[in-house]
Protein backbone atom coordinates (compact mmCIF):
# COMPACT_ATOMS: atom_id res chain seq x y z
CA MET A 1 22.12 18.35 -27.34
CA TRP A 2 19.12 20.59 -28.36
CA ASN A 3 20.37 21.54 -31.66
CA ALA A 4 20.93 17.78 -32.53
CA TRP A 5 17.32 17.09 -31.70
CA VAL A 6 15.90 20.04 -33.57
CA GLU A 7 18.27 20.03 -36.42
CA THR A 8 17.52 16.48 -37.32
CA TRP A 9 14.22 17.33 -38.27
CA SER A 10 14.64 20.70 -40.24
CA GLY A 11 13.61 20.27 -43.59
CA VAL A 12 12.52 16.55 -43.10
CA ALA A 13 8.88 16.18 -44.78
CA LEU A 14 7.39 13.00 -43.31
CA ALA A 15 3.63 12.78 -42.93
CA SER A 16 1.89 11.06 -39.74
CA GLY A 17 2.57 7.23 -39.68
CA GLN A 18 5.83 7.73 -42.12
CA GLU A 19 9.51 6.71 -41.70
CA ARG A 20 12.83 7.14 -43.58
CA THR A 21 15.83 5.04 -42.87
CA GLN A 22 19.21 5.51 -43.87
CA THR A 23 22.46 3.53 -43.50
CA MET A 24 25.83 5.62 -43.11
CA ARG A 25 29.31 4.64 -42.65
CA ILE A 26 31.33 6.07 -39.72
CA ARG A 27 34.78 5.74 -38.58
CA HIS A 28 35.59 4.56 -35.24
CA PRO A 29 39.13 3.94 -33.67
CA ASN A 30 38.75 0.08 -33.40
CA GLY A 31 37.40 -0.32 -37.18
CA PRO A 32 34.73 1.07 -39.52
CA LEU A 33 30.88 1.02 -38.50
CA GLU A 34 27.58 1.03 -40.35
CA GLN A 35 24.92 3.14 -38.35
CA ARG A 36 21.29 2.67 -39.39
CA SER A 37 19.30 6.13 -38.74
CA THR A 38 15.68 6.03 -38.72
CA LEU A 39 13.06 9.01 -38.54
CA ARG A 40 9.78 8.25 -37.74
CA HIS A 41 6.49 10.79 -37.48
CA ARG A 42 4.31 9.13 -34.93
CA GLY A 43 1.71 11.82 -35.31
CA ALA A 44 -0.34 14.02 -33.11
CA VAL A 45 0.07 14.14 -29.25
CA PRO A 46 -3.21 13.51 -27.67
CA GLY A 47 -4.32 16.21 -25.11
CA THR A 48 -1.71 18.70 -26.47
CA PRO A 49 -3.21 20.80 -29.53
CA GLY A 50 -0.78 21.27 -32.34
CA ALA A 51 1.91 18.96 -30.90
CA VAL A 52 3.30 16.19 -32.95
CA ARG A 53 5.68 13.19 -31.64
CA LEU A 54 8.63 12.49 -33.53
CA GLU A 55 11.28 9.92 -33.26
CA TRP A 56 14.84 9.38 -34.31
CA GLU A 57 16.67 5.91 -33.75
CA THR A 58 20.10 5.04 -34.44
CA ALA A 59 21.35 1.89 -34.31
CA LEU A 60 24.91 -0.14 -34.32
CA GLU A 61 24.76 -3.57 -34.50
CA GLY A 62 26.05 -6.74 -36.46
CA ALA A 63 29.34 -8.21 -36.93
CA SER A 64 31.14 -4.74 -37.50
CA TYR A 65 29.85 -3.39 -34.07
CA ARG A 66 30.88 -6.61 -32.31
CA GLN A 67 34.26 -6.50 -33.68
CA VAL A 68 34.76 -2.84 -32.49
CA VAL A 69 33.36 -3.95 -28.96
CA ALA A 70 35.32 -6.91 -28.76
CA ARG A 71 38.46 -4.94 -29.64
CA SER A 72 37.39 -2.47 -27.01
CA ARG A 73 37.15 -4.97 -24.46
CA GLU A 74 40.46 -6.93 -25.59
CA LEU A 75 42.34 -3.61 -24.65
CA ARG A 76 40.65 -2.88 -21.41
CA CYS A 77 41.64 -6.90 -20.77
CA ASN A 78 45.13 -6.43 -21.63
CA THR A 79 45.16 -3.68 -18.72
CA ALA A 80 43.51 -5.81 -16.43
CA LEU A 81 45.95 -8.98 -17.26
CA VAL A 82 49.12 -6.49 -16.56
CA ARG A 83 47.37 -6.37 -12.98
CA ASN A 84 46.63 -10.02 -12.51
CA ALA A 85 47.43 -12.45 -15.01
CA SER A 86 44.72 -14.94 -14.12
CA ASP A 87 41.71 -12.44 -14.89
CA PRO A 88 39.03 -14.34 -16.49
CA CYS A 89 38.74 -11.89 -19.33
CA ALA A 90 41.41 -13.47 -21.36
CA THR A 91 38.95 -16.38 -22.35
CA GLU A 92 35.88 -14.26 -22.90
CA VAL A 93 34.54 -14.76 -26.30
CA LEU A 94 31.77 -11.70 -27.26
CA GLU A 95 28.92 -13.21 -29.31
CA SER A 96 27.00 -10.34 -29.76
CA ALA A 97 26.71 -6.48 -29.18
CA SER A 98 24.33 -3.82 -29.94
CA SER A 99 23.68 -0.28 -29.27
CA VAL A 100 20.21 1.63 -30.33
CA THR A 101 19.46 5.24 -29.24
CA THR A 102 16.02 6.41 -29.53
CA VAL A 103 15.21 10.33 -29.12
CA GLU A 104 11.48 10.94 -28.84
CA LEU A 105 10.73 14.96 -29.56
CA LEU A 106 7.46 16.39 -29.04
CA THR A 107 7.37 19.58 -30.65
CA GLU A 108 5.33 22.00 -32.77
CA PRO A 109 5.83 20.85 -36.07
CA ASP A 110 5.77 24.48 -37.73
CA THR A 111 8.58 25.83 -35.31
CA LEU A 112 10.38 22.57 -34.07
CA ARG A 113 10.62 24.36 -30.83
CA PRO A 114 10.56 21.21 -28.23
CA LEU A 115 7.85 20.75 -25.68
CA SER A 116 9.84 17.57 -24.29
CA VAL A 117 12.37 15.29 -25.21
CA ARG A 118 13.03 11.93 -24.07
CA THR A 119 16.30 9.70 -24.86
CA VAL A 120 16.80 6.23 -24.40
CA ARG A 121 20.06 4.46 -25.03
CA THR A 122 20.17 0.43 -24.84
CA GLU A 123 23.45 -1.36 -24.89
CA ALA A 124 23.40 -5.29 -25.10
CA PHE A 125 26.10 -7.82 -25.33
CA THR A 126 26.26 -11.27 -24.84
CA VAL A 127 29.75 -13.11 -23.89
CA LYS A 128 29.82 -16.95 -24.61
CA GLY A 129 28.68 -19.05 -21.60
CA GLN A 130 27.21 -16.20 -19.68
CA PRO A 131 23.75 -14.50 -19.34
CA PRO A 132 23.03 -11.45 -21.84
CA VAL A 133 23.93 -7.91 -20.29
CA LEU A 134 21.14 -5.19 -21.00
CA GLN A 135 22.25 -1.65 -19.95
CA ARG A 136 19.38 1.19 -20.43
CA GLU A 137 20.07 4.79 -19.68
CA ALA A 138 16.74 7.10 -20.11
CA ARG A 139 16.63 10.83 -19.55
CA SER A 140 13.72 13.26 -20.01
CA PHE A 141 13.68 17.04 -20.75
CA ASP A 142 10.52 19.36 -20.38
CA PHE A 143 10.63 22.72 -22.11
CA GLU A 144 8.54 26.09 -21.19
CA TRP A 145 8.83 28.84 -23.81
CA PRO A 146 7.81 32.73 -22.69
CA ARG A 147 6.07 33.46 -26.26
CA LYS A 148 4.81 32.21 -29.49
CA ALA A 149 7.70 31.06 -31.79
CA LYS A 150 8.07 32.42 -35.35
CA ARG A 151 7.41 29.79 -38.20
CA THR A 152 10.63 28.30 -39.66
CA THR A 153 8.44 26.69 -42.36
CA PRO A 154 6.60 28.45 -45.00
CA ARG A 155 2.89 28.24 -45.42
């Protein structure tokens, strides 16, 4: 994971307050998807001289993602129906689905050596006639480095 967090930013030139968004097509066994990816430079970290806050957000949402999730739920339901023919999953209609992952990196901008990383993955979906479901997983990582790193970017 460390490589992904750092390599995402290698060679990216964003000034404080700027962001860059791109959409990419990805293949999934249950259908094609479009994933939105946004890089944001959140600026200097108060109280930590020389450190900046960088954010990377990926999002899967919309009709194509809803269809992929619905197909996955349908496959699980088919298994459940084998065990119990009256399982209520057969009548479920998925109205919406989204998955958003945010990675917040506190780093030295010249070396990209991380000081800390926080990841938050939020899954949300709504089944017709039921309250919305929101699942959130957050993880934090802190790093201590024994010596000053070499610069990865020329001055």
